Amino acid sequence: MKIRHSAQVFLASILVTLLLIIPSGCSQTSTTIRIVTSTPIIDQENTETAHADKSYDGKEIRITLGSSLQVQLESNPSTGFGWELTSISDSNVLEKLSNIFETPSYKLPAGQTPPAGAGGMEFWTFKALMKGTSTISMEYSQPWDGGTKKAQTFSLTVTVN
C-alpha cells in the first residue's frame, strides 16, 4: 500500500510541477507582430503624360521613359503663397520642364474673369529622362524672409520604367 501511495504522491507532484512550469513558460514567451507598411504604387505607365495631385502625396507613381508627369496643386499667389520645388532626388531621372499658375476661369461664365484674390492651380511638368527612381519634394510657402514656410508639403516618388 505504501508503494501505491508513494507512486500517487510522486505522480501528483509531477502533475503539479508541470502545471506550474507550462503556464509560466507560456507567459514568458513573447509574440512578435510585424506591421509592414508600404508606399501605395500608382501605375501610369504607357501614357504620354501622367497626372498627379495632392492625393498622391507620399505615394509612388510609375511612368514610362520619355513620358511627362504633370503635378497639379492648389495655390493662391494673392496670399503670397506658392509651391517651391525643394528637390529632385535624382535629376538624371527627372527634369523639371515648367511650372505655371492658372486661375479657375473655366468655372466662370464666358467673358468674366476671376475676382481679385481668387486661388487657382499650379501645374508642374517633369520629363522622364532615364530609367530609375527619383523623389520630387515641394513646399507651399511664402518665399520672403519672415514669411510662413512649409504651410504644406508634397512628396512623390517617381519610378521610370
N, C-alpha and C. Protein backbone atom coordinates (compact mmCIF):
# COMPACT_ATOMS: atom_id res chain seq x y z
N MET A 1 0.80 -1.19 0.00
CA MET A 1 0.00 0.00 0.00
C MET A 1 0.85 1.26 0.00
N LYS A 2 1.94 1.22 0.76
CA LYS A 2 2.79 2.39 0.82
C LYS A 2 3.38 2.71 -0.54
N ILE A 3 3.68 1.70 -1.32
CA ILE A 3 4.26 1.93 -2.65
C ILE A 3 3.23 2.61 -3.54
N ARG A 4 2.01 2.12 -3.48
CA ARG A 4 0.96 2.72 -4.31
C ARG A 4 0.75 4.18 -3.90
N HIS A 5 0.70 4.44 -2.60
CA HIS A 5 0.52 5.81 -2.13
C HIS A 5 1.71 6.68 -2.53
N SER A 6 2.92 6.18 -2.44
CA SER A 6 4.11 6.93 -2.84
C SER A 6 4.08 7.22 -4.33
N ALA A 7 3.64 6.26 -5.13
CA ALA A 7 3.54 6.45 -6.58
C ALA A 7 2.51 7.53 -6.89
N GLN A 8 1.40 7.53 -6.17
CA GLN A 8 0.36 8.54 -6.38
C GLN A 8 0.89 9.93 -6.00
N VAL A 9 1.62 10.03 -4.89
CA VAL A 9 2.18 11.30 -4.46
C VAL A 9 3.21 11.77 -5.48
N PHE A 10 4.04 10.85 -5.96
CA PHE A 10 5.05 11.18 -6.97
C PHE A 10 4.39 11.70 -8.24
N LEU A 11 3.37 10.99 -8.74
CA LEU A 11 2.66 11.42 -9.95
C LEU A 11 1.96 12.76 -9.74
N ALA A 12 1.38 12.92 -8.56
CA ALA A 12 0.70 14.17 -8.26
C ALA A 12 1.69 15.33 -8.24
N SER A 13 2.88 15.10 -7.66
CA SER A 13 3.88 16.17 -7.62
C SER A 13 4.40 16.51 -9.02
N ILE A 14 4.54 15.50 -9.87
CA ILE A 14 4.94 15.76 -11.27
C ILE A 14 3.86 16.57 -11.97
N LEU A 15 2.61 16.20 -11.78
CA LEU A 15 1.50 16.91 -12.40
C LEU A 15 1.45 18.36 -11.93
N VAL A 16 1.60 18.59 -10.64
CA VAL A 16 1.60 19.95 -10.10
C VAL A 16 2.78 20.73 -10.67
N THR A 17 3.97 20.11 -10.73
CA THR A 17 5.14 20.77 -11.28
C THR A 17 4.91 21.16 -12.74
N LEU A 18 4.35 20.25 -13.54
CA LEU A 18 4.06 20.54 -14.95
C LEU A 18 3.06 21.68 -15.08
N LEU A 19 2.04 21.65 -14.24
CA LEU A 19 1.04 22.71 -14.29
C LEU A 19 1.65 24.07 -13.94
N LEU A 20 2.64 24.07 -13.08
CA LEU A 20 3.30 25.32 -12.72
C LEU A 20 4.31 25.76 -13.78
N ILE A 21 5.00 24.82 -14.38
CA ILE A 21 6.04 25.14 -15.37
C ILE A 21 5.43 25.56 -16.70
N ILE A 22 4.47 24.82 -17.19
CA ILE A 22 3.92 25.08 -18.53
C ILE A 22 3.32 26.48 -18.62
N PRO A 23 2.42 26.90 -17.72
CA PRO A 23 1.88 28.26 -17.85
C PRO A 23 2.95 29.33 -17.70
N SER A 24 3.91 29.13 -16.77
CA SER A 24 4.92 30.17 -16.60
C SER A 24 5.81 30.24 -17.83
N GLY A 25 6.09 29.10 -18.43
CA GLY A 25 6.87 29.10 -19.68
C GLY A 25 6.11 29.80 -20.77
N CYS A 26 4.80 29.57 -20.84
CA CYS A 26 3.99 30.21 -21.87
C CYS A 26 3.88 31.71 -21.64
N SER A 27 3.81 32.09 -20.36
CA SER A 27 3.66 33.51 -20.10
C SER A 27 4.94 34.27 -20.40
N GLN A 28 6.08 33.55 -20.44
CA GLN A 28 7.33 34.23 -20.72
C GLN A 28 7.66 34.26 -22.20
N THR A 29 6.94 33.49 -22.99
CA THR A 29 7.19 33.56 -24.43
C THR A 29 6.51 34.81 -24.96
N SER A 30 7.12 35.41 -25.93
CA SER A 30 6.54 36.63 -26.49
C SER A 30 6.22 36.39 -27.95
N THR A 31 5.22 37.08 -28.39
CA THR A 31 4.82 37.02 -29.78
C THR A 31 5.20 38.34 -30.42
N THR A 32 5.91 38.27 -31.51
CA THR A 32 6.31 39.48 -32.23
C THR A 32 5.34 39.69 -33.37
N ILE A 33 4.77 40.86 -33.42
CA ILE A 33 3.86 41.21 -34.50
C ILE A 33 4.56 42.25 -35.35
N ARG A 34 4.73 41.95 -36.62
CA ARG A 34 5.36 42.89 -37.54
C ARG A 34 4.28 43.59 -38.33
N ILE A 35 4.34 44.89 -38.33
CA ILE A 35 3.43 45.67 -39.14
C ILE A 35 4.24 46.15 -40.33
N VAL A 36 3.87 45.68 -41.48
CA VAL A 36 4.59 46.04 -42.69
C VAL A 36 3.79 47.12 -43.41
N THR A 37 4.43 48.25 -43.61
CA THR A 37 3.79 49.31 -44.36
C THR A 37 4.53 49.48 -45.68
N SER A 38 3.80 49.82 -46.68
CA SER A 38 4.43 50.06 -47.96
C SER A 38 3.78 51.28 -48.60
N THR A 39 4.52 51.92 -49.44
CA THR A 39 4.02 53.08 -50.14
C THR A 39 3.10 52.60 -51.25
N PRO A 40 1.87 53.13 -51.30
CA PRO A 40 0.99 52.73 -52.41
C PRO A 40 1.61 53.13 -53.74
N ILE A 41 1.54 52.23 -54.71
CA ILE A 41 2.11 52.50 -56.03
C ILE A 41 0.98 52.73 -57.02
N ILE A 42 1.06 53.84 -57.74
CA ILE A 42 0.07 54.17 -58.75
C ILE A 42 0.73 53.99 -60.10
N ASP A 43 0.16 53.12 -60.89
CA ASP A 43 0.75 52.79 -62.20
C ASP A 43 0.13 53.67 -63.27
N GLN A 44 0.95 54.53 -63.88
CA GLN A 44 0.50 55.33 -65.01
C GLN A 44 1.46 55.15 -66.18
N GLU A 45 1.98 53.93 -66.27
CA GLU A 45 2.86 53.63 -67.39
C GLU A 45 2.05 53.61 -68.68
N ASN A 46 2.74 53.75 -69.78
CA ASN A 46 2.15 53.70 -71.12
C ASN A 46 1.18 54.84 -71.38
N THR A 47 1.36 55.95 -70.69
CA THR A 47 0.61 57.16 -71.01
C THR A 47 1.62 58.24 -71.36
N GLU A 48 1.26 59.09 -72.29
CA GLU A 48 2.19 60.14 -72.73
C GLU A 48 2.44 61.15 -71.61
N THR A 49 1.37 61.50 -70.88
CA THR A 49 1.50 62.41 -69.74
C THR A 49 0.77 61.81 -68.55
N ALA A 50 1.51 61.53 -67.50
CA ALA A 50 0.91 61.02 -66.26
C ALA A 50 0.49 62.23 -65.43
N HIS A 51 -0.55 62.06 -64.61
CA HIS A 51 -1.08 63.16 -63.81
C HIS A 51 -1.10 62.79 -62.34
N ALA A 52 -0.76 63.78 -61.49
CA ALA A 52 -0.80 63.58 -60.04
C ALA A 52 -1.33 64.86 -59.40
N ASP A 53 -1.97 64.71 -58.25
CA ASP A 53 -2.44 65.85 -57.48
C ASP A 53 -2.13 65.62 -56.01
N LYS A 54 -2.67 66.46 -55.12
CA LYS A 54 -2.36 66.40 -53.69
C LYS A 54 -2.65 65.02 -53.10
N SER A 55 -3.60 64.28 -53.66
CA SER A 55 -3.93 62.95 -53.14
C SER A 55 -2.78 61.95 -53.35
N TYR A 56 -1.82 62.29 -54.17
CA TYR A 56 -0.66 61.43 -54.43
C TYR A 56 0.47 61.66 -53.43
N ASP A 57 0.30 62.62 -52.53
CA ASP A 57 1.35 62.97 -51.58
C ASP A 57 1.80 61.74 -50.79
N GLY A 58 3.12 61.51 -50.78
CA GLY A 58 3.69 60.39 -50.04
C GLY A 58 3.60 59.06 -50.76
N LYS A 59 3.13 59.06 -51.98
CA LYS A 59 2.97 57.81 -52.72
C LYS A 59 4.05 57.65 -53.78
N GLU A 60 3.94 56.56 -54.51
CA GLU A 60 4.87 56.28 -55.61
C GLU A 60 4.06 56.14 -56.88
N ILE A 61 4.57 56.70 -57.95
CA ILE A 61 3.93 56.59 -59.26
C ILE A 61 4.93 55.99 -60.24
N ARG A 62 4.45 55.14 -61.12
CA ARG A 62 5.28 54.55 -62.17
C ARG A 62 4.90 55.17 -63.49
N ILE A 63 5.92 55.66 -64.21
CA ILE A 63 5.68 56.24 -65.53
C ILE A 63 6.68 55.63 -66.52
N THR A 64 6.44 55.90 -67.78
CA THR A 64 7.25 55.34 -68.86
C THR A 64 8.37 56.30 -69.26
N LEU A 65 9.51 55.75 -69.58
CA LEU A 65 10.64 56.52 -70.07
C LEU A 65 10.20 57.39 -71.24
N GLY A 66 10.57 58.66 -71.21
CA GLY A 66 10.23 59.60 -72.28
C GLY A 66 8.90 60.31 -72.07
N SER A 67 8.09 59.85 -71.12
CA SER A 67 6.80 60.50 -70.89
C SER A 67 6.97 61.69 -69.95
N SER A 68 5.89 62.43 -69.77
CA SER A 68 5.88 63.57 -68.86
C SER A 68 5.01 63.27 -67.66
N LEU A 69 5.27 63.99 -66.58
CA LEU A 69 4.46 63.92 -65.37
C LEU A 69 4.00 65.33 -65.06
N GLN A 70 2.70 65.50 -64.90
CA GLN A 70 2.17 66.81 -64.53
C GLN A 70 1.58 66.71 -63.12
N VAL A 71 2.11 67.54 -62.22
CA VAL A 71 1.63 67.60 -60.84
C VAL A 71 0.80 68.87 -60.71
N GLN A 72 -0.46 68.71 -60.26
CA GLN A 72 -1.40 69.81 -60.14
C GLN A 72 -1.70 70.04 -58.65
N LEU A 73 -1.39 71.26 -58.15
CA LEU A 73 -1.59 71.58 -56.74
C LEU A 73 -2.31 72.91 -56.58
N GLU A 74 -3.26 72.97 -55.65
CA GLU A 74 -3.98 74.22 -55.39
C GLU A 74 -3.01 75.27 -54.86
N SER A 75 -3.25 76.52 -55.28
CA SER A 75 -2.36 77.61 -54.90
C SER A 75 -3.12 78.93 -54.91
N ASN A 76 -2.65 79.87 -54.11
CA ASN A 76 -3.24 81.20 -54.12
C ASN A 76 -2.14 82.25 -53.96
N PRO A 77 -1.53 82.66 -55.07
CA PRO A 77 -0.43 83.63 -55.01
C PRO A 77 -0.83 84.98 -54.42
N SER A 78 -2.13 85.31 -54.44
CA SER A 78 -2.54 86.61 -53.89
C SER A 78 -2.29 86.68 -52.38
N THR A 79 -2.12 85.54 -51.72
CA THR A 79 -1.80 85.50 -50.29
C THR A 79 -0.30 85.46 -50.05
N GLY A 80 0.45 85.46 -51.15
CA GLY A 80 1.91 85.40 -51.04
C GLY A 80 2.44 83.98 -51.03
N PHE A 81 1.55 83.00 -51.03
CA PHE A 81 1.98 81.61 -51.01
C PHE A 81 2.17 81.07 -52.43
N GLY A 82 3.09 80.15 -52.54
CA GLY A 82 3.31 79.44 -53.79
C GLY A 82 4.07 78.16 -53.52
N TRP A 83 4.01 77.26 -54.46
CA TRP A 83 4.74 76.00 -54.35
C TRP A 83 6.16 76.20 -54.82
N GLU A 84 7.10 75.68 -54.04
CA GLU A 84 8.52 75.71 -54.39
C GLU A 84 9.01 74.28 -54.54
N LEU A 85 9.76 74.02 -55.58
CA LEU A 85 10.40 72.73 -55.75
C LEU A 85 11.64 72.74 -54.87
N THR A 86 11.64 71.92 -53.81
CA THR A 86 12.78 71.91 -52.90
C THR A 86 13.83 70.90 -53.31
N SER A 87 13.40 69.82 -54.00
CA SER A 87 14.42 68.88 -54.50
C SER A 87 13.83 67.90 -55.50
N ILE A 88 14.71 67.47 -56.38
CA ILE A 88 14.51 66.30 -57.23
C ILE A 88 15.68 65.41 -56.85
N SER A 89 15.40 64.27 -56.21
CA SER A 89 16.49 63.48 -55.63
C SER A 89 17.47 62.95 -56.67
N ASP A 90 17.01 62.70 -57.89
CA ASP A 90 17.92 62.26 -58.96
C ASP A 90 17.54 62.99 -60.24
N SER A 91 18.26 64.05 -60.53
CA SER A 91 17.97 64.87 -61.71
C SER A 91 18.39 64.19 -63.01
N ASN A 92 19.05 63.04 -62.92
CA ASN A 92 19.32 62.26 -64.12
C ASN A 92 18.07 61.50 -64.57
N VAL A 93 17.16 61.25 -63.62
CA VAL A 93 15.93 60.50 -63.92
C VAL A 93 14.81 61.45 -64.31
N LEU A 94 14.66 62.56 -63.58
CA LEU A 94 13.59 63.53 -63.83
C LEU A 94 14.14 64.92 -64.01
N GLU A 95 13.51 65.66 -64.90
CA GLU A 95 13.88 67.05 -65.12
C GLU A 95 12.62 67.90 -65.05
N LYS A 96 12.70 69.03 -64.35
CA LYS A 96 11.57 69.97 -64.32
C LYS A 96 11.54 70.72 -65.65
N LEU A 97 10.40 70.68 -66.32
CA LEU A 97 10.25 71.41 -67.57
C LEU A 97 9.63 72.78 -67.36
N SER A 98 8.56 72.83 -66.53
CA SER A 98 7.86 74.11 -66.35
C SER A 98 6.98 74.08 -65.11
N ASN A 99 6.59 75.27 -64.69
CA ASN A 99 5.50 75.40 -63.73
C ASN A 99 4.75 76.68 -64.05
N ILE A 100 3.42 76.57 -64.05
CA ILE A 100 2.57 77.72 -64.36
C ILE A 100 1.42 77.76 -63.36
N PHE A 101 0.86 78.94 -63.17
CA PHE A 101 -0.32 79.13 -62.34
C PHE A 101 -1.49 79.47 -63.24
N GLU A 102 -2.62 78.85 -63.00
CA GLU A 102 -3.84 79.16 -63.76
C GLU A 102 -4.98 79.42 -62.80
N THR A 103 -5.76 80.47 -63.10
CA THR A 103 -6.97 80.75 -62.32
C THR A 103 -8.09 79.86 -62.83
N PRO A 104 -9.08 79.63 -62.02
CA PRO A 104 -10.17 78.72 -62.44
C PRO A 104 -11.19 79.41 -63.34
N SER A 105 -10.73 80.05 -64.39
CA SER A 105 -11.65 80.79 -65.27
C SER A 105 -12.63 79.86 -65.98
N TYR A 106 -12.30 78.59 -66.05
CA TYR A 106 -13.20 77.64 -66.70
C TYR A 106 -14.51 77.48 -65.92
N LYS A 107 -14.55 77.90 -64.67
CA LYS A 107 -15.75 77.77 -63.85
C LYS A 107 -16.66 79.00 -63.97
N LEU A 108 -16.19 80.03 -64.67
CA LEU A 108 -16.94 81.28 -64.77
C LEU A 108 -17.67 81.37 -66.11
N PRO A 109 -18.73 82.15 -66.14
CA PRO A 109 -19.40 82.39 -67.43
C PRO A 109 -18.44 83.02 -68.41
N ALA A 110 -18.67 82.80 -69.68
CA ALA A 110 -17.79 83.32 -70.73
C ALA A 110 -17.63 84.83 -70.59
N GLY A 111 -16.39 85.29 -70.74
CA GLY A 111 -16.09 86.71 -70.71
C GLY A 111 -15.80 87.27 -69.31
N GLN A 112 -16.10 86.52 -68.26
CA GLN A 112 -15.83 87.01 -66.91
C GLN A 112 -14.46 86.55 -66.44
N THR A 113 -13.84 87.37 -65.62
CA THR A 113 -12.55 87.00 -65.05
C THR A 113 -12.72 86.71 -63.57
N PRO A 114 -11.85 85.90 -63.00
CA PRO A 114 -11.95 85.60 -61.58
C PRO A 114 -11.75 86.85 -60.74
N PRO A 115 -12.39 86.93 -59.57
CA PRO A 115 -12.21 88.10 -58.72
C PRO A 115 -10.78 88.18 -58.19
N ALA A 116 -10.37 89.39 -57.82
CA ALA A 116 -9.04 89.56 -57.23
C ALA A 116 -8.92 88.69 -55.99
N GLY A 117 -7.79 88.08 -55.83
CA GLY A 117 -7.56 87.24 -54.66
C GLY A 117 -8.01 85.80 -54.82
N ALA A 118 -8.56 85.48 -55.98
CA ALA A 118 -9.03 84.10 -56.20
C ALA A 118 -7.84 83.16 -56.35
N GLY A 119 -7.97 82.00 -55.81
CA GLY A 119 -6.93 80.98 -55.94
C GLY A 119 -7.03 80.27 -57.27
N GLY A 120 -6.19 79.31 -57.45
CA GLY A 120 -6.18 78.55 -58.69
C GLY A 120 -5.32 77.31 -58.54
N MET A 121 -4.68 76.92 -59.60
CA MET A 121 -3.85 75.71 -59.62
C MET A 121 -2.47 76.01 -60.17
N GLU A 122 -1.49 75.37 -59.55
CA GLU A 122 -0.14 75.38 -60.13
C GLU A 122 0.05 74.04 -60.83
N PHE A 123 0.59 74.10 -62.02
CA PHE A 123 0.87 72.90 -62.80
C PHE A 123 2.39 72.79 -62.98
N TRP A 124 2.96 71.73 -62.44
CA TRP A 124 4.39 71.45 -62.54
C TRP A 124 4.57 70.29 -63.51
N THR A 125 5.41 70.47 -64.52
CA THR A 125 5.63 69.42 -65.51
C THR A 125 7.08 68.94 -65.43
N PHE A 126 7.23 67.62 -65.41
CA PHE A 126 8.53 66.97 -65.33
C PHE A 126 8.66 65.99 -66.49
N LYS A 127 9.88 65.75 -66.93
CA LYS A 127 10.17 64.83 -68.04
C LYS A 127 10.97 63.65 -67.50
N ALA A 128 10.57 62.43 -67.91
CA ALA A 128 11.28 61.20 -67.53
C ALA A 128 12.46 61.02 -68.49
N LEU A 129 13.69 61.22 -67.99
CA LEU A 129 14.88 61.21 -68.83
C LEU A 129 15.53 59.83 -68.97
N MET A 130 15.49 59.06 -67.89
CA MET A 130 16.10 57.73 -67.93
C MET A 130 15.42 56.84 -66.89
N LYS A 131 15.61 55.53 -67.03
CA LYS A 131 15.02 54.59 -66.08
C LYS A 131 15.67 54.78 -64.71
N GLY A 132 14.84 54.67 -63.69
CA GLY A 132 15.33 54.82 -62.32
C GLY A 132 14.23 55.36 -61.43
N THR A 133 14.63 55.81 -60.25
CA THR A 133 13.69 56.34 -59.27
C THR A 133 14.19 57.68 -58.76
N SER A 134 13.27 58.62 -58.64
CA SER A 134 13.58 59.95 -58.13
C SER A 134 12.39 60.45 -57.32
N THR A 135 12.67 61.22 -56.29
CA THR A 135 11.60 61.78 -55.46
C THR A 135 11.54 63.28 -55.64
N ILE A 136 10.32 63.76 -55.90
CA ILE A 136 10.06 65.20 -56.02
C ILE A 136 9.57 65.67 -54.65
N SER A 137 10.18 66.72 -54.12
CA SER A 137 9.74 67.30 -52.85
C SER A 137 9.43 68.78 -53.08
N MET A 138 8.27 69.21 -52.53
CA MET A 138 7.83 70.59 -52.71
C MET A 138 7.28 71.13 -51.39
N GLU A 139 7.31 72.47 -51.27
CA GLU A 139 6.77 73.15 -50.09
C GLU A 139 5.91 74.31 -50.55
N TYR A 140 4.80 74.50 -49.84
CA TYR A 140 3.91 75.64 -50.07
C TYR A 140 4.27 76.68 -49.03
N SER A 141 4.90 77.77 -49.47
CA SER A 141 5.48 78.74 -48.55
C SER A 141 5.33 80.16 -49.09
N GLN A 142 5.61 81.10 -48.21
CA GLN A 142 5.79 82.49 -48.60
C GLN A 142 7.30 82.69 -48.68
N PRO A 143 7.86 82.98 -49.85
CA PRO A 143 9.30 82.90 -50.06
C PRO A 143 10.15 83.98 -49.39
N TRP A 144 9.56 85.06 -48.92
CA TRP A 144 10.38 86.14 -48.37
C TRP A 144 10.79 85.86 -46.92
N ASP A 145 11.83 86.58 -46.47
CA ASP A 145 12.28 86.47 -45.08
C ASP A 145 11.12 86.81 -44.15
N GLY A 146 10.88 85.95 -43.18
CA GLY A 146 9.79 86.15 -42.23
C GLY A 146 8.47 85.58 -42.71
N GLY A 147 8.40 85.16 -43.98
CA GLY A 147 7.17 84.56 -44.50
C GLY A 147 6.97 83.15 -43.94
N THR A 148 5.74 82.67 -43.98
CA THR A 148 5.42 81.33 -43.49
C THR A 148 6.06 80.29 -44.38
N LYS A 149 6.74 79.35 -43.77
CA LYS A 149 7.41 78.27 -44.50
C LYS A 149 6.68 76.96 -44.24
N LYS A 150 6.70 76.10 -45.22
CA LYS A 150 6.16 74.75 -45.12
C LYS A 150 4.71 74.71 -44.60
N ALA A 151 3.87 75.62 -45.09
CA ALA A 151 2.46 75.57 -44.71
C ALA A 151 1.87 74.24 -45.16
N GLN A 152 2.37 73.72 -46.27
CA GLN A 152 2.02 72.40 -46.77
C GLN A 152 3.28 71.82 -47.42
N THR A 153 3.32 70.51 -47.50
CA THR A 153 4.42 69.86 -48.21
C THR A 153 3.82 68.82 -49.17
N PHE A 154 4.61 68.48 -50.17
CA PHE A 154 4.20 67.47 -51.15
C PHE A 154 5.44 66.68 -51.53
N SER A 155 5.30 65.36 -51.53
CA SER A 155 6.40 64.49 -51.91
C SER A 155 5.85 63.36 -52.77
N LEU A 156 6.53 63.06 -53.85
CA LEU A 156 6.10 61.99 -54.76
C LEU A 156 7.32 61.26 -55.28
N THR A 157 7.34 59.96 -55.09
CA THR A 157 8.41 59.14 -55.63
C THR A 157 8.00 58.67 -57.02
N VAL A 158 8.87 58.90 -57.99
CA VAL A 158 8.59 58.57 -59.38
C VAL A 158 9.54 57.49 -59.84
N THR A 159 8.97 56.38 -60.30
CA THR A 159 9.77 55.30 -60.87
C THR A 159 9.55 55.30 -62.37
N VAL A 160 10.64 55.45 -63.10
CA VAL A 160 10.59 55.48 -64.57
C VAL A 160 11.02 54.11 -65.08
N ASN A 161 10.13 53.47 -65.84
CA ASN A 161 10.41 52.15 -66.41
C ASN A 161 10.55 52.25 -67.92
